[in-house]
Amino acid sequence: MFGKAGLGGLMKQAQQMQENMKKAQAKLAETEVEAEAGNGLVKVTMTCSHVVRKLEISQDLIAEAADDKEMLEDLILAAVNAASEKAEETTSKTMGAFTQGLPAGMSDFFR
């Protein structure tokens, strides 16, 4: 079906694609996304590998939430979840470029 040279070339392309994907994954691990909740009262900076690098809480919110711990927790969760969604979107866009055009099921080979 492929012939000796064709199969070798295909394997070489697959190895190159895998190397490029590893490089992209390493870059994504350092790529940061930022999200906020409560009109910017809580901000989260997270990498695309879901490591939270920074959490900012407005001094105004701290003063206001002194009696409302639950509201503060909800805003922090909302900001973290929004950052997580952005990280997933960024990762999908980046990694999707590698598997675009491959037959169904083949993209799993390169994970």
N, C-alpha and C. Protein backbone atom coordinates (compact mmCIF):
# COMPACT_ATOMS: atom_id res chain seq x y z
N MET A 1 0.82 -1.20 0.00
CA MET A 1 0.00 0.00 0.00
C MET A 1 0.86 1.26 0.00
N PHE A 2 1.83 1.37 0.94
CA PHE A 2 2.67 2.56 1.00
C PHE A 2 4.00 2.36 0.28
N GLY A 3 4.48 1.15 0.23
CA GLY A 3 5.82 0.92 -0.28
C GLY A 3 6.81 1.26 0.82
N LYS A 4 8.01 0.75 0.68
CA LYS A 4 9.02 0.93 1.74
C LYS A 4 9.36 2.41 1.95
N ALA A 5 9.59 3.13 0.89
CA ALA A 5 9.96 4.55 1.01
C ALA A 5 8.78 5.39 1.50
N GLY A 6 7.58 5.05 1.04
CA GLY A 6 6.40 5.80 1.45
C GLY A 6 6.12 5.66 2.93
N LEU A 7 6.23 4.44 3.45
CA LEU A 7 5.98 4.20 4.86
C LEU A 7 7.05 4.87 5.72
N GLY A 8 8.30 4.81 5.27
CA GLY A 8 9.39 5.47 6.00
C GLY A 8 9.19 6.97 6.05
N GLY A 9 8.77 7.54 4.93
CA GLY A 9 8.51 8.98 4.89
C GLY A 9 7.35 9.37 5.79
N LEU A 10 6.33 8.52 5.81
CA LEU A 10 5.18 8.77 6.67
C LEU A 10 5.58 8.72 8.14
N MET A 11 6.41 7.74 8.50
CA MET A 11 6.87 7.63 9.88
C MET A 11 7.73 8.83 10.27
N LYS A 12 8.55 9.29 9.33
CA LYS A 12 9.40 10.46 9.60
C LYS A 12 8.53 11.70 9.83
N GLN A 13 7.49 11.85 9.03
CA GLN A 13 6.57 12.97 9.21
C GLN A 13 5.86 12.89 10.56
N ALA A 14 5.47 11.68 10.94
CA ALA A 14 4.78 11.49 12.22
C ALA A 14 5.71 11.84 13.37
N GLN A 15 6.98 11.45 13.29
CA GLN A 15 7.94 11.78 14.35
C GLN A 15 8.15 13.29 14.43
N GLN A 16 8.25 13.95 13.27
CA GLN A 16 8.43 15.40 13.26
C GLN A 16 7.22 16.09 13.87
N MET A 17 6.03 15.60 13.54
CA MET A 17 4.81 16.18 14.09
C MET A 17 4.79 16.01 15.61
N GLN A 18 5.21 14.85 16.07
CA GLN A 18 5.22 14.60 17.51
C GLN A 18 6.22 15.53 18.21
N GLU A 19 7.38 15.75 17.61
CA GLU A 19 8.37 16.67 18.19
C GLU A 19 7.81 18.08 18.25
N ASN A 20 7.18 18.50 17.18
CA ASN A 20 6.58 19.85 17.15
C ASN A 20 5.47 19.99 18.19
N MET A 21 4.71 18.94 18.38
CA MET A 21 3.65 18.97 19.39
C MET A 21 4.23 19.07 20.79
N LYS A 22 5.32 18.37 21.04
CA LYS A 22 5.96 18.44 22.36
C LYS A 22 6.47 19.86 22.63
N LYS A 23 7.04 20.48 21.61
CA LYS A 23 7.51 21.86 21.76
C LYS A 23 6.33 22.80 22.05
N ALA A 24 5.23 22.59 21.34
CA ALA A 24 4.04 23.43 21.55
C ALA A 24 3.48 23.22 22.95
N GLN A 25 3.47 21.98 23.44
CA GLN A 25 2.98 21.70 24.78
C GLN A 25 3.87 22.37 25.84
N ALA A 26 5.18 22.35 25.62
CA ALA A 26 6.09 23.01 26.56
C ALA A 26 5.85 24.52 26.57
N LYS A 27 5.61 25.09 25.39
CA LYS A 27 5.33 26.53 25.31
C LYS A 27 3.99 26.85 26.00
N LEU A 28 3.00 26.00 25.80
CA LEU A 28 1.70 26.21 26.45
C LEU A 28 1.81 26.14 27.96
N ALA A 29 2.70 25.31 28.46
CA ALA A 29 2.87 25.19 29.91
C ALA A 29 3.34 26.50 30.52
N GLU A 30 3.97 27.35 29.71
CA GLU A 30 4.43 28.67 30.18
C GLU A 30 3.52 29.81 29.75
N THR A 31 2.60 29.54 28.83
CA THR A 31 1.69 30.57 28.34
C THR A 31 0.66 30.89 29.42
N GLU A 32 0.48 32.17 29.70
CA GLU A 32 -0.45 32.59 30.74
C GLU A 32 -1.71 33.20 30.15
N VAL A 33 -2.82 32.93 30.81
CA VAL A 33 -4.09 33.56 30.48
C VAL A 33 -4.58 34.26 31.74
N GLU A 34 -5.40 35.27 31.55
CA GLU A 34 -5.93 36.00 32.70
C GLU A 34 -7.45 36.08 32.57
N ALA A 35 -8.12 35.96 33.70
CA ALA A 35 -9.58 36.09 33.73
C ALA A 35 -9.95 36.84 35.00
N GLU A 36 -11.16 37.35 34.98
CA GLU A 36 -11.62 38.12 36.15
C GLU A 36 -13.08 37.82 36.44
N ALA A 37 -13.48 38.22 37.63
CA ALA A 37 -14.88 38.08 38.05
C ALA A 37 -15.24 39.33 38.85
N GLY A 38 -16.54 39.60 38.93
CA GLY A 38 -17.00 40.76 39.70
C GLY A 38 -16.48 42.06 39.14
N ASN A 39 -16.54 42.21 37.80
CA ASN A 39 -16.05 43.44 37.14
C ASN A 39 -14.62 43.78 37.52
N GLY A 40 -13.79 42.75 37.59
CA GLY A 40 -12.37 42.98 37.85
C GLY A 40 -11.99 43.00 39.32
N LEU A 41 -12.92 42.72 40.20
CA LEU A 41 -12.60 42.72 41.63
C LEU A 41 -11.70 41.54 42.01
N VAL A 42 -11.82 40.44 41.25
CA VAL A 42 -10.95 39.28 41.44
C VAL A 42 -10.35 38.93 40.08
N LYS A 43 -9.02 38.80 40.04
CA LYS A 43 -8.32 38.45 38.81
C LYS A 43 -7.43 37.24 39.07
N VAL A 44 -7.42 36.34 38.09
CA VAL A 44 -6.58 35.14 38.19
C VAL A 44 -5.72 35.05 36.94
N THR A 45 -4.45 34.76 37.16
CA THR A 45 -3.52 34.47 36.07
C THR A 45 -3.13 33.01 36.20
N MET A 46 -3.29 32.27 35.09
CA MET A 46 -3.07 30.83 35.09
C MET A 46 -2.34 30.43 33.82
N THR A 47 -1.52 29.39 33.91
CA THR A 47 -0.88 28.87 32.70
C THR A 47 -1.85 27.94 31.99
N CYS A 48 -1.53 27.61 30.76
CA CYS A 48 -2.37 26.69 30.00
C CYS A 48 -2.25 25.26 30.52
N SER A 49 -1.34 25.02 31.45
CA SER A 49 -1.29 23.72 32.12
C SER A 49 -2.00 23.79 33.47
N HIS A 50 -2.79 24.84 33.66
CA HIS A 50 -3.67 25.03 34.81
C HIS A 50 -2.94 25.25 36.13
N VAL A 51 -1.81 25.90 36.06
CA VAL A 51 -1.10 26.31 37.28
C VAL A 51 -1.46 27.77 37.54
N VAL A 52 -2.05 28.05 38.70
CA VAL A 52 -2.42 29.42 39.03
C VAL A 52 -1.15 30.15 39.47
N ARG A 53 -0.84 31.20 38.74
CA ARG A 53 0.39 31.95 39.03
C ARG A 53 0.12 33.19 39.87
N LYS A 54 -1.11 33.71 39.78
CA LYS A 54 -1.39 34.96 40.48
C LYS A 54 -2.88 35.06 40.78
N LEU A 55 -3.18 35.55 41.97
CA LEU A 55 -4.56 35.81 42.38
C LEU A 55 -4.59 37.21 42.97
N GLU A 56 -5.40 38.07 42.37
CA GLU A 56 -5.52 39.45 42.86
C GLU A 56 -6.95 39.67 43.35
N ILE A 57 -7.06 40.21 44.55
CA ILE A 57 -8.36 40.56 45.10
C ILE A 57 -8.34 42.04 45.44
N SER A 58 -9.28 42.77 44.87
CA SER A 58 -9.36 44.21 45.09
C SER A 58 -9.54 44.52 46.58
N GLN A 59 -8.86 45.54 47.03
CA GLN A 59 -8.99 45.99 48.42
C GLN A 59 -10.43 46.37 48.72
N ASP A 60 -11.12 46.94 47.73
CA ASP A 60 -12.54 47.30 47.90
C ASP A 60 -13.38 46.06 48.20
N LEU A 61 -13.07 44.96 47.49
CA LEU A 61 -13.83 43.73 47.71
C LEU A 61 -13.53 43.16 49.09
N ILE A 62 -12.31 43.23 49.51
CA ILE A 62 -11.94 42.71 50.83
C ILE A 62 -12.72 43.46 51.91
N ALA A 63 -12.79 44.77 51.78
CA ALA A 63 -13.53 45.57 52.77
C ALA A 63 -15.02 45.24 52.72
N GLU A 64 -15.55 45.09 51.50
CA GLU A 64 -16.98 44.83 51.33
C GLU A 64 -17.34 43.40 51.75
N ALA A 65 -16.44 42.47 51.52
CA ALA A 65 -16.74 41.05 51.77
C ALA A 65 -16.38 40.61 53.18
N ALA A 66 -16.02 41.53 54.04
CA ALA A 66 -15.63 41.16 55.40
C ALA A 66 -16.72 40.34 56.09
N ASP A 67 -17.95 40.64 55.79
CA ASP A 67 -19.06 39.91 56.40
C ASP A 67 -19.68 38.89 55.45
N ASP A 68 -19.11 38.76 54.24
CA ASP A 68 -19.71 37.87 53.25
C ASP A 68 -18.63 36.98 52.62
N LYS A 69 -18.15 36.07 53.41
CA LYS A 69 -17.10 35.13 52.99
C LYS A 69 -17.55 34.34 51.76
N GLU A 70 -18.81 33.94 51.72
CA GLU A 70 -19.34 33.14 50.63
C GLU A 70 -19.26 33.89 49.29
N MET A 71 -19.56 35.19 49.29
CA MET A 71 -19.47 35.98 48.07
C MET A 71 -18.02 36.00 47.56
N LEU A 72 -17.08 36.20 48.45
CA LEU A 72 -15.67 36.23 48.07
C LEU A 72 -15.25 34.89 47.48
N GLU A 73 -15.65 33.81 48.11
CA GLU A 73 -15.33 32.48 47.60
C GLU A 73 -15.93 32.26 46.21
N ASP A 74 -17.17 32.69 46.02
CA ASP A 74 -17.83 32.55 44.72
C ASP A 74 -17.10 33.32 43.62
N LEU A 75 -16.66 34.53 43.94
CA LEU A 75 -15.95 35.33 42.95
C LEU A 75 -14.59 34.72 42.61
N ILE A 76 -13.91 34.19 43.60
CA ILE A 76 -12.63 33.53 43.34
C ILE A 76 -12.84 32.30 42.45
N LEU A 77 -13.84 31.50 42.78
CA LEU A 77 -14.15 30.32 41.95
C LEU A 77 -14.50 30.72 40.52
N ALA A 78 -15.30 31.75 40.38
CA ALA A 78 -15.69 32.21 39.04
C ALA A 78 -14.47 32.63 38.23
N ALA A 79 -13.56 33.36 38.85
CA ALA A 79 -12.36 33.81 38.14
C ALA A 79 -11.45 32.63 37.77
N VAL A 80 -11.30 31.69 38.69
CA VAL A 80 -10.46 30.51 38.41
C VAL A 80 -11.08 29.68 37.28
N ASN A 81 -12.38 29.48 37.33
CA ASN A 81 -13.04 28.71 36.28
C ASN A 81 -12.97 29.41 34.92
N ALA A 82 -13.10 30.72 34.91
CA ALA A 82 -12.98 31.47 33.65
C ALA A 82 -11.56 31.36 33.09
N ALA A 83 -10.57 31.43 33.96
CA ALA A 83 -9.18 31.29 33.51
C ALA A 83 -8.94 29.88 32.97
N SER A 84 -9.51 28.89 33.62
CA SER A 84 -9.38 27.51 33.17
C SER A 84 -9.98 27.33 31.77
N GLU A 85 -11.13 27.93 31.55
CA GLU A 85 -11.76 27.87 30.22
C GLU A 85 -10.88 28.53 29.16
N LYS A 86 -10.29 29.67 29.49
CA LYS A 86 -9.40 30.35 28.54
C LYS A 86 -8.17 29.50 28.25
N ALA A 87 -7.65 28.84 29.27
CA ALA A 87 -6.48 27.97 29.09
C ALA A 87 -6.84 26.82 28.15
N GLU A 88 -8.00 26.24 28.33
CA GLU A 88 -8.45 25.14 27.48
C GLU A 88 -8.64 25.59 26.03
N GLU A 89 -9.23 26.77 25.86
CA GLU A 89 -9.43 27.31 24.50
C GLU A 89 -8.09 27.54 23.81
N THR A 90 -7.15 28.13 24.53
CA THR A 90 -5.83 28.40 23.96
C THR A 90 -5.14 27.10 23.59
N THR A 91 -5.22 26.12 24.46
CA THR A 91 -4.60 24.81 24.20
C THR A 91 -5.25 24.14 23.00
N SER A 92 -6.57 24.17 22.93
CA SER A 92 -7.27 23.54 21.81
C SER A 92 -6.91 24.17 20.48
N LYS A 93 -6.83 25.50 20.46
CA LYS A 93 -6.44 26.19 19.22
C LYS A 93 -5.03 25.79 18.79
N THR A 94 -4.12 25.80 19.73
CA THR A 94 -2.72 25.50 19.42
C THR A 94 -2.55 24.05 18.98
N MET A 95 -3.08 23.13 19.75
CA MET A 95 -2.88 21.72 19.46
C MET A 95 -3.76 21.24 18.30
N GLY A 96 -4.89 21.88 18.10
CA GLY A 96 -5.77 21.51 17.00
C GLY A 96 -5.14 21.71 15.64
N ALA A 97 -4.21 22.64 15.55
CA ALA A 97 -3.52 22.88 14.28
C ALA A 97 -2.70 21.66 13.85
N PHE A 98 -2.25 20.87 14.80
CA PHE A 98 -1.44 19.70 14.47
C PHE A 98 -2.28 18.55 13.93
N THR A 99 -3.49 18.41 14.41
CA THR A 99 -4.30 17.27 14.03
C THR A 99 -5.34 17.60 12.96
N GLN A 100 -5.37 18.84 12.54
CA GLN A 100 -6.33 19.27 11.52
C GLN A 100 -6.08 18.49 10.23
N GLY A 101 -7.12 17.91 9.69
CA GLY A 101 -7.00 17.19 8.43
C GLY A 101 -6.64 15.73 8.58
N LEU A 102 -6.34 15.28 9.80
CA LEU A 102 -6.05 13.86 10.00
C LEU A 102 -7.36 13.07 10.02
N PRO A 103 -7.30 11.81 9.59
CA PRO A 103 -8.51 10.97 9.66
C PRO A 103 -8.96 10.79 11.11
N ALA A 104 -10.25 10.57 11.29
CA ALA A 104 -10.81 10.37 12.63
C ALA A 104 -10.06 9.26 13.36
N GLY A 105 -9.75 9.52 14.62
CA GLY A 105 -9.04 8.53 15.43
C GLY A 105 -7.53 8.64 15.36
N MET A 106 -6.99 9.20 14.29
CA MET A 106 -5.53 9.31 14.17
C MET A 106 -4.96 10.37 15.10
N SER A 107 -5.76 11.38 15.42
CA SER A 107 -5.26 12.45 16.28
C SER A 107 -4.89 11.92 17.67
N ASP A 108 -5.53 10.83 18.10
CA ASP A 108 -5.20 10.22 19.40
C ASP A 108 -3.78 9.66 19.41
N PHE A 109 -3.29 9.28 18.27
CA PHE A 109 -1.94 8.72 18.14
C PHE A 109 -0.88 9.73 18.55
N PHE A 110 -1.16 11.02 18.35
CA PHE A 110 -0.17 12.06 18.59
C PHE A 110 -0.28 12.70 19.97
N ARG A 111 -1.09 12.19 20.86
CA ARG A 111 -1.22 12.76 22.20
C ARG A 111 -0.17 12.24 23.12
